[in-house]
Amino acid sequence: MASDLDFSPPEVPEPTFLENLLRYGLFLGAIFQLICVLAIIVPVPKSHEVEAEPSEPRSAEVMRKPKTTAPANKRPKKEAKKKR
C-alpha cells in the first residue's frame, strides 16, 4: 500500500513570456497604487522657494476673479412648447 503513493513533486510547466509579462505588470501596478495612496496619506511640506519670491508677477489667468456660478436652488426657466 505504501508503494502506491506518489510523493514526487508535480510537474509544473515553465511560464510563458506573456504570463511573465502579466505577472510583473500586476506587480508594477500594485506598487504604483501603493505609491499613490501613500502620496495622499503622507503630507508633503511646501518648499520655501515659492514663498521667498512673491515679487514675481502672476499670470493673467491667476489674477482673474473666478466666474460666479448660478445658485444651485434656481433653475433656468423652461421654454414653453408651441401648441399645434
PDB file of N, CA and C in Angstrom:
ATOM      1  N   MET A   1       0.802  -1.188   0.000  1.00  0.00           N
ATOM      2  CA  MET A   1       0.000   0.000   0.000  1.00  0.00           C
ATOM      3  C   MET A   1       0.850   1.260   0.000  1.00  0.00           C
ATOM      4  N   ALA A   2       1.915   1.263   0.746  1.00  0.00           N
ATOM      5  CA  ALA A   2       2.787   2.420   0.805  1.00  0.00           C
ATOM      6  C   ALA A   2       3.461   2.649  -0.538  1.00  0.00           C
ATOM      7  N   SER A   3       3.611   1.601  -1.345  1.00  0.00           N
ATOM      8  CA  SER A   3       4.254   1.763  -2.642  1.00  0.00           C
ATOM      9  C   SER A   3       3.318   2.401  -3.667  1.00  0.00           C
ATOM     10  N   ASP A   4       2.010   2.462  -3.395  1.00  0.00           N
ATOM     11  CA  ASP A   4       1.047   3.060  -4.319  1.00  0.00           C
ATOM     12  C   ASP A   4       1.069   4.594  -4.269  1.00  0.00           C
ATOM     13  N   LEU A   5       1.517   5.184  -3.174  1.00  0.00           N
ATOM     14  CA  LEU A   5       1.507   6.637  -3.030  1.00  0.00           C
ATOM     15  C   LEU A   5       2.697   7.240  -3.755  1.00  0.00           C
ATOM     16  N   ASP A   6       2.438   8.317  -4.506  1.00  0.00           N
ATOM     17  CA  ASP A   6       3.499   9.001  -5.253  1.00  0.00           C
ATOM     18  C   ASP A   6       3.729  10.370  -4.622  1.00  0.00           C
ATOM     19  N   PHE A   7       4.861  10.530  -3.940  1.00  0.00           N
ATOM     20  CA  PHE A   7       5.169  11.774  -3.248  1.00  0.00           C
ATOM     21  C   PHE A   7       6.099  12.679  -4.048  1.00  0.00           C
ATOM     22  N   SER A   8       6.270  12.437  -5.320  1.00  0.00           N
ATOM     23  CA  SER A   8       7.135  13.282  -6.134  1.00  0.00           C
ATOM     24  C   SER A   8       6.427  14.612  -6.411  1.00  0.00           C
ATOM     25  N   PRO A   9       7.191  15.680  -6.548  1.00  0.00           N
ATOM     26  CA  PRO A   9       6.546  16.983  -6.799  1.00  0.00           C
ATOM     27  C   PRO A   9       5.853  16.985  -8.152  1.00  0.00           C
ATOM     28  N   PRO A  10       4.731  17.703  -8.251  1.00  0.00           N
ATOM     29  CA  PRO A  10       4.015  17.743  -9.536  1.00  0.00           C
ATOM     30  C   PRO A  10       4.823  18.498 -10.577  1.00  0.00           C
ATOM     31  N   GLU A  11       4.645  18.114 -11.803  1.00  0.00           N
ATOM     32  CA  GLU A  11       5.356  18.780 -12.889  1.00  0.00           C
ATOM     33  C   GLU A  11       4.602  20.060 -13.257  1.00  0.00           C
ATOM     34  N   VAL A  12       5.286  21.183 -13.119  1.00  0.00           N
ATOM     35  CA  VAL A  12       4.695  22.483 -13.412  1.00  0.00           C
ATOM     36  C   VAL A  12       5.384  23.021 -14.649  1.00  0.00           C
ATOM     37  N   PRO A  13       4.616  23.373 -15.680  1.00  0.00           N
ATOM     38  CA  PRO A  13       5.254  23.892 -16.893  1.00  0.00           C
ATOM     39  C   PRO A  13       5.868  25.270 -16.635  1.00  0.00           C
ATOM     40  N   GLU A  14       6.899  25.579 -17.386  1.00  0.00           N
ATOM     41  CA  GLU A  14       7.539  26.891 -17.275  1.00  0.00           C
ATOM     42  C   GLU A  14       6.565  27.964 -17.757  1.00  0.00           C
ATOM     43  N   PRO A  15       6.499  29.109 -17.056  1.00  0.00           N
ATOM     44  CA  PRO A  15       5.593  30.167 -17.501  1.00  0.00           C
ATOM     45  C   PRO A  15       6.054  30.756 -18.837  1.00  0.00           C
ATOM     46  N   THR A  16       5.073  31.105 -19.648  1.00  0.00           N
ATOM     47  CA  THR A  16       5.380  31.679 -20.953  1.00  0.00           C
ATOM     48  C   THR A  16       5.748  33.151 -20.796  1.00  0.00           C
ATOM     49  N   PHE A  17       6.176  33.752 -21.892  1.00  0.00           N
ATOM     50  CA  PHE A  17       6.556  35.163 -21.877  1.00  0.00           C
ATOM     51  C   PHE A  17       5.365  36.041 -21.490  1.00  0.00           C
ATOM     52  N   LEU A  18       4.197  35.754 -22.039  1.00  0.00           N
ATOM     53  CA  LEU A  18       3.019  36.573 -21.736  1.00  0.00           C
ATOM     54  C   LEU A  18       2.603  36.424 -20.275  1.00  0.00           C
ATOM     55  N   GLU A  19       2.737  35.227 -19.720  1.00  0.00           N
ATOM     56  CA  GLU A  19       2.399  35.029 -18.317  1.00  0.00           C
ATOM     57  C   GLU A  19       3.358  35.818 -17.423  1.00  0.00           C
ATOM     58  N   ASN A  20       4.645  35.811 -17.782  1.00  0.00           N
ATOM     59  CA  ASN A  20       5.618  36.594 -17.017  1.00  0.00           C
ATOM     60  C   ASN A  20       5.339  38.083 -17.143  1.00  0.00           C
ATOM     61  N   LEU A  21       4.996  38.525 -18.346  1.00  0.00           N
ATOM     62  CA  LEU A  21       4.688  39.933 -18.570  1.00  0.00           C
ATOM     63  C   LEU A  21       3.481  40.356 -17.737  1.00  0.00           C
ATOM     64  N   LEU A  22       2.461  39.525 -17.710  1.00  0.00           N
ATOM     65  CA  LEU A  22       1.269  39.818 -16.922  1.00  0.00           C
ATOM     66  C   LEU A  22       1.601  39.847 -15.435  1.00  0.00           C
ATOM     67  N   ARG A  23       2.389  38.905 -14.995  1.00  0.00           N
ATOM     68  CA  ARG A  23       2.741  38.812 -13.577  1.00  0.00           C
ATOM     69  C   ARG A  23       3.496  40.054 -13.117  1.00  0.00           C
ATOM     70  N   TYR A  24       4.532  40.427 -13.852  1.00  0.00           N
ATOM     71  CA  TYR A  24       5.318  41.585 -13.440  1.00  0.00           C
ATOM     72  C   TYR A  24       4.564  42.892 -13.665  1.00  0.00           C
ATOM     73  N   GLY A  25       3.701  42.934 -14.655  1.00  0.00           N
ATOM     74  CA  GLY A  25       2.862  44.115 -14.853  1.00  0.00           C
ATOM     75  C   GLY A  25       1.913  44.330 -13.687  1.00  0.00           C
ATOM     76  N   LEU A  26       1.367  43.239 -13.161  1.00  0.00           N
ATOM     77  CA  LEU A  26       0.485  43.352 -11.998  1.00  0.00           C
ATOM     78  C   LEU A  26       1.269  43.814 -10.767  1.00  0.00           C
ATOM     79  N   PHE A  27       2.490  43.327 -10.619  1.00  0.00           N
ATOM     80  CA  PHE A  27       3.319  43.783  -9.504  1.00  0.00           C
ATOM     81  C   PHE A  27       3.607  45.282  -9.620  1.00  0.00           C
ATOM     82  N   LEU A  28       3.957  45.738 -10.806  1.00  0.00           N
ATOM     83  CA  LEU A  28       4.236  47.164 -11.002  1.00  0.00           C
ATOM     84  C   LEU A  28       2.984  48.005 -10.754  1.00  0.00           C
ATOM     85  N   GLY A  29       1.828  47.513 -11.186  1.00  0.00           N
ATOM     86  CA  GLY A  29       0.576  48.231 -10.947  1.00  0.00           C
ATOM     87  C   GLY A  29       0.260  48.335  -9.464  1.00  0.00           C
ATOM     88  N   ALA A  30       0.524  47.261  -8.717  1.00  0.00           N
ATOM     89  CA  ALA A  30       0.273  47.286  -7.276  1.00  0.00           C
ATOM     90  C   ALA A  30       1.216  48.265  -6.581  1.00  0.00           C
ATOM     91  N   ILE A  31       2.467  48.294  -6.997  1.00  0.00           N
ATOM     92  CA  ILE A  31       3.431  49.224  -6.410  1.00  0.00           C
ATOM     93  C   ILE A  31       3.024  50.666  -6.720  1.00  0.00           C
ATOM     94  N   PHE A  32       2.572  50.914  -7.946  1.00  0.00           N
ATOM     95  CA  PHE A  32       2.125  52.258  -8.328  1.00  0.00           C
ATOM     96  C   PHE A  32       0.932  52.693  -7.483  1.00  0.00           C
ATOM     97  N   GLN A  33      -0.006  51.779  -7.251  1.00  0.00           N
ATOM     98  CA  GLN A  33      -1.167  52.115  -6.426  1.00  0.00           C
ATOM     99  C   GLN A  33      -0.763  52.422  -5.001  1.00  0.00           C
ATOM    100  N   LEU A  34       0.181  51.666  -4.461  1.00  0.00           N
ATOM    101  CA  LEU A  34       0.651  51.941  -3.102  1.00  0.00           C
ATOM    102  C   LEU A  34       1.311  53.312  -3.014  1.00  0.00           C
ATOM    103  N   ILE A  35       2.087  53.656  -4.020  1.00  0.00           N
ATOM    104  CA  ILE A  35       2.734  54.978  -4.038  1.00  0.00           C
ATOM    105  C   ILE A  35       1.684  56.077  -4.095  1.00  0.00           C
ATOM    106  N   CYS A  36       0.643  55.883  -4.898  1.00  0.00           N
ATOM    107  CA  CYS A  36      -0.420  56.896  -4.999  1.00  0.00           C
ATOM    108  C   CYS A  36      -1.167  57.050  -3.681  1.00  0.00           C
ATOM    109  N   VAL A  37      -1.465  55.941  -3.021  1.00  0.00           N
ATOM    110  CA  VAL A  37      -2.165  56.016  -1.737  1.00  0.00           C
ATOM    111  C   VAL A  37      -1.279  56.688  -0.696  1.00  0.00           C
ATOM    112  N   LEU A  38       0.001  56.361  -0.677  1.00  0.00           N
ATOM    113  CA  LEU A  38       0.911  57.000   0.268  1.00  0.00           C
ATOM    114  C   LEU A  38       1.054  58.492  -0.012  1.00  0.00           C
ATOM    115  N   ALA A  39       0.993  58.891  -1.278  1.00  0.00           N
ATOM    116  CA  ALA A  39       1.081  60.311  -1.618  1.00  0.00           C
ATOM    117  C   ALA A  39      -0.123  61.075  -1.083  1.00  0.00           C
ATOM    118  N   ILE A  40      -1.255  60.430  -0.992  1.00  0.00           N
ATOM    119  CA  ILE A  40      -2.447  61.084  -0.448  1.00  0.00           C
ATOM    120  C   ILE A  40      -2.368  61.151   1.070  1.00  0.00           C
ATOM    121  N   ILE A  41      -1.884  60.078   1.685  1.00  0.00           N
ATOM    122  CA  ILE A  41      -1.872  59.999   3.145  1.00  0.00           C
ATOM    123  C   ILE A  41      -0.771  60.867   3.745  1.00  0.00           C
ATOM    124  N   VAL A  42       0.436  60.789   3.192  1.00  0.00           N
ATOM    125  CA  VAL A  42       1.584  61.494   3.763  1.00  0.00           C
ATOM    126  C   VAL A  42       1.613  62.934   3.247  1.00  0.00           C
ATOM    127  N   PRO A  43       1.535  63.923   4.133  1.00  0.00           N
ATOM    128  CA  PRO A  43       1.586  65.321   3.679  1.00  0.00           C
ATOM    129  C   PRO A  43       3.012  65.704   3.302  1.00  0.00           C
ATOM    130  N   VAL A  44       3.126  66.511   2.258  1.00  0.00           N
ATOM    131  CA  VAL A  44       4.433  66.976   1.798  1.00  0.00           C
ATOM    132  C   VAL A  44       4.534  68.459   2.137  1.00  0.00           C
ATOM    133  N   PRO A  45       5.569  68.867   2.874  1.00  0.00           N
ATOM    134  CA  PRO A  45       5.686  70.287   3.208  1.00  0.00           C
ATOM    135  C   PRO A  45       5.995  71.114   1.968  1.00  0.00           C
ATOM    136  N   LYS A  46       5.452  72.312   1.935  1.00  0.00           N
ATOM    137  CA  LYS A  46       5.695  73.197   0.792  1.00  0.00           C
ATOM    138  C   LYS A  46       7.123  73.716   0.864  1.00  0.00           C
ATOM    139  N   SER A  47       7.719  73.901  -0.289  1.00  0.00           N
ATOM    140  CA  SER A  47       9.090  74.394  -0.321  1.00  0.00           C
ATOM    141  C   SER A  47       9.108  75.889  -0.003  1.00  0.00           C
ATOM    142  N   HIS A  48      10.227  76.381   0.505  1.00  0.00           N
ATOM    143  CA  HIS A  48      10.353  77.793   0.863  1.00  0.00           C
ATOM    144  C   HIS A  48      10.697  78.659  -0.339  1.00  0.00           C
ATOM    145  N   GLU A  49      11.048  78.044  -1.458  1.00  0.00           N
ATOM    146  CA  GLU A  49      11.398  78.802  -2.647  1.00  0.00           C
ATOM    147  C   GLU A  49      10.209  79.590  -3.171  1.00  0.00           C
ATOM    148  N   VAL A  50       9.031  79.030  -3.084  1.00  0.00           N
ATOM    149  CA  VAL A  50       7.840  79.710  -3.581  1.00  0.00           C
ATOM    150  C   VAL A  50       7.532  80.918  -2.713  1.00  0.00           C
ATOM    151  N   GLU A  51       7.696  80.790  -1.410  1.00  0.00           N
ATOM    152  CA  GLU A  51       7.399  81.893  -0.502  1.00  0.00           C
ATOM    153  C   GLU A  51       8.488  82.961  -0.542  1.00  0.00           C
ATOM    154  N   ALA A  52       9.704  82.614  -0.924  1.00  0.00           N
ATOM    155  CA  ALA A  52      10.823  83.555  -0.902  1.00  0.00           C
ATOM    156  C   ALA A  52      10.707  84.603  -2.007  1.00  0.00           C
ATOM    157  N   GLU A  53      10.050  84.286  -3.108  1.00  0.00           N
ATOM    158  CA  GLU A  53       9.973  85.206  -4.237  1.00  0.00           C
ATOM    159  C   GLU A  53       8.529  85.591  -4.561  1.00  0.00           C
ATOM    160  N   PRO A  54       7.869  86.331  -3.686  1.00  0.00           N
ATOM    161  CA  PRO A  54       6.498  86.744  -4.003  1.00  0.00           C
ATOM    162  C   PRO A  54       6.441  87.921  -4.960  1.00  0.00           C
ATOM    163  N   SER A  55       7.601  88.532  -5.301  1.00  0.00           N
ATOM    164  CA  SER A  55       7.610  89.706  -6.161  1.00  0.00           C
ATOM    165  C   SER A  55       7.377  89.355  -7.628  1.00  0.00           C
ATOM    166  N   GLU A  56       7.412  88.071  -7.972  1.00  0.00           N
ATOM    167  CA  GLU A  56       7.179  87.690  -9.367  1.00  0.00           C
ATOM    168  C   GLU A  56       5.747  88.021  -9.757  1.00  0.00           C
ATOM    169  N   PRO A  57       5.546  88.623 -10.921  1.00  0.00           N
ATOM    170  CA  PRO A  57       4.168  88.923 -11.338  1.00  0.00           C
ATOM    171  C   PRO A  57       3.427  87.631 -11.666  1.00  0.00           C
ATOM    172  N   ARG A  58       2.222  87.584 -11.209  1.00  0.00           N
ATOM    173  CA  ARG A  58       1.410  86.409 -11.506  1.00  0.00           C
ATOM    174  C   ARG A  58       0.837  86.522 -12.898  1.00  0.00           C
ATOM    175  N   SER A  59       0.557  85.390 -13.480  1.00  0.00           N
ATOM    176  CA  SER A  59      -0.007  85.407 -14.829  1.00  0.00           C
ATOM    177  C   SER A  59      -1.430  85.953 -14.783  1.00  0.00           C
ATOM    178  N   ALA A  60      -1.937  86.337 -15.940  1.00  0.00           N
ATOM    179  CA  ALA A  60      -3.275  86.923 -16.016  1.00  0.00           C
ATOM    180  C   ALA A  60      -4.339  85.914 -15.608  1.00  0.00           C
ATOM    181  N   GLU A  61      -4.081  84.657 -15.858  1.00  0.00           N
ATOM    182  CA  GLU A  61      -5.073  83.639 -15.507  1.00  0.00           C
ATOM    183  C   GLU A  61      -5.243  83.534 -13.996  1.00  0.00           C
ATOM    184  N   VAL A  62      -4.159  83.679 -13.257  1.00  0.00           N
ATOM    185  CA  VAL A  62      -4.229  83.568 -11.807  1.00  0.00           C
ATOM    186  C   VAL A  62      -4.873  84.823 -11.214  1.00  0.00           C
ATOM    187  N   MET A  63      -4.660  85.993 -11.814  1.00  0.00           N
ATOM    188  CA  MET A  63      -5.160  87.245 -11.272  1.00  0.00           C
ATOM    189  C   MET A  63      -6.655  87.427 -11.490  1.00  0.00           C
ATOM    190  N   ARG A  64      -7.222  86.750 -12.464  1.00  0.00           N
ATOM    191  CA  ARG A  64      -8.652  86.918 -12.741  1.00  0.00           C
ATOM    192  C   ARG A  64      -9.490  86.410 -11.576  1.00  0.00           C
ATOM    193  N   LYS A  65     -10.611  87.061 -11.400  1.00  0.00           N
ATOM    194  CA  LYS A  65     -11.542  86.587 -10.384  1.00  0.00           C
ATOM    195  C   LYS A  65     -12.300  85.395 -10.958  1.00  0.00           C
ATOM    196  N   PRO A  66     -12.586  84.405 -10.143  1.00  0.00           N
ATOM    197  CA  PRO A  66     -13.343  83.266 -10.662  1.00  0.00           C
ATOM    198  C   PRO A  66     -14.759  83.694 -11.031  1.00  0.00           C
ATOM    199  N   LYS A  67     -15.255  83.108 -12.092  1.00  0.00           N
ATOM    200  CA  LYS A  67     -16.610  83.440 -12.537  1.00  0.00           C
ATOM    201  C   LYS A  67     -17.611  82.932 -11.518  1.00  0.00           C
ATOM    202  N   THR A  68     -18.615  83.738 -11.278  1.00  0.00           N
ATOM    203  CA  THR A  68     -19.637  83.316 -10.339  1.00  0.00           C
ATOM    204  C   THR A  68     -20.589  82.374 -11.048  1.00  0.00           C
ATOM    205  N   THR A  69     -20.978  81.351 -10.354  1.00  0.00           N
ATOM    206  CA  THR A  69     -21.913  80.381 -10.921  1.00  0.00           C
ATOM    207  C   THR A  69     -23.311  80.681 -10.413  1.00  0.00           C
ATOM    208  N   ALA A  70     -24.296  80.203 -11.133  1.00  0.00           N
ATOM    209  CA  ALA A  70     -25.681  80.412 -10.738  1.00  0.00           C
ATOM    210  C   ALA A  70     -25.947  79.632  -9.457  1.00  0.00           C
ATOM    211  N   PRO A  71     -26.751  80.188  -8.570  1.00  0.00           N
ATOM    212  CA  PRO A  71     -27.084  79.458  -7.336  1.00  0.00           C
ATOM    213  C   PRO A  71     -27.725  78.120  -7.669  1.00  0.00           C
ATOM    214  N   ALA A  72     -27.484  77.155  -6.819  1.00  0.00           N
ATOM    215  CA  ALA A  72     -27.944  75.794  -7.079  1.00  0.00           C
ATOM    216  C   ALA A  72     -29.462  75.669  -6.977  1.00  0.00           C
ATOM    217  N   ASN A  73     -30.099  76.540  -6.172  1.00  0.00           N
ATOM    218  CA  ASN A  73     -31.534  76.388  -5.972  1.00  0.00           C
ATOM    219  C   ASN A  73     -32.358  77.025  -7.091  1.00  0.00           C
ATOM    220  N   LYS A  74     -31.765  77.850  -7.927  1.00  0.00           N
ATOM    221  CA  LYS A  74     -32.503  78.464  -9.034  1.00  0.00           C
ATOM    222  C   LYS A  74     -32.284  77.657 -10.303  1.00  0.00           C
ATOM    223  N   ARG A  75     -33.363  77.285 -10.920  1.00  0.00           N
ATOM    224  CA  ARG A  75     -33.290  76.527 -12.169  1.00  0.00           C
ATOM    225  C   ARG A  75     -33.617  77.457 -13.329  1.00  0.00           C
ATOM    226  N   PRO A  76     -33.002  77.199 -14.482  1.00  0.00           N
ATOM    227  CA  PRO A  76     -33.353  78.036 -15.638  1.00  0.00           C
ATOM    228  C   PRO A  76     -34.802  77.779 -16.055  1.00  0.00           C
ATOM    229  N   LYS A  77     -35.432  78.839 -16.577  1.00  0.00           N
ATOM    230  CA  LYS A  77     -36.837  78.704 -16.974  1.00  0.00           C
ATOM    231  C   LYS A  77     -36.962  77.784 -18.180  1.00  0.00           C
ATOM    232  N   LYS A  78     -37.986  76.947 -18.136  1.00  0.00           N
ATOM    233  CA  LYS A  78     -38.236  76.062 -19.265  1.00  0.00           C
ATOM    234  C   LYS A  78     -38.964  76.833 -20.357  1.00  0.00           C
ATOM    235  N   GLU A  79     -38.596  76.550 -21.585  1.00  0.00           N
ATOM    236  CA  GLU A  79     -39.283  77.189 -22.693  1.00  0.00           C
ATOM    237  C   GLU A  79     -40.607  76.479 -22.928  1.00  0.00           C
ATOM    238  N   ALA A  80     -41.623  77.279 -23.166  1.00  0.00           N
ATOM    239  CA  ALA A  80     -42.955  76.692 -23.396  1.00  0.00           C
ATOM    240  C   ALA A  80     -43.012  76.063 -24.785  1.00  0.00           C
ATOM    241  N   LYS A  81     -43.617  74.886 -24.854  1.00  0.00           N
ATOM    242  CA  LYS A  81     -43.750  74.219 -26.146  1.00  0.00           C
ATOM    243  C   LYS A  81     -44.829  74.907 -26.963  1.00  0.00           C
ATOM    244  N   LYS A  82     -44.617  74.949 -28.252  1.00  0.00           N
ATOM    245  CA  LYS A  82     -45.615  75.553 -29.135  1.00  0.00           C
ATOM    246  C   LYS A  82     -46.763  74.587 -29.341  1.00  0.00           C
ATOM    247  N   LYS A  83     -47.948  75.101 -29.247  1.00  0.00           N
ATOM    248  CA  LYS A  83     -49.137  74.261 -29.487  1.00  0.00           C
ATOM    249  C   LYS A  83     -49.443  74.247 -30.951  1.00  0.00           C
ATOM    250  N   ARG A  84     -49.830  73.090 -31.444  1.00  0.00           N
ATOM    251  CA  ARG A  84     -50.156  72.978 -32.870  1.00  0.00           C
ATOM    252  C   ARG A  84     -51.631  73.124 -33.110  1.00  0.00           C
TER     253      ARG A  84
END
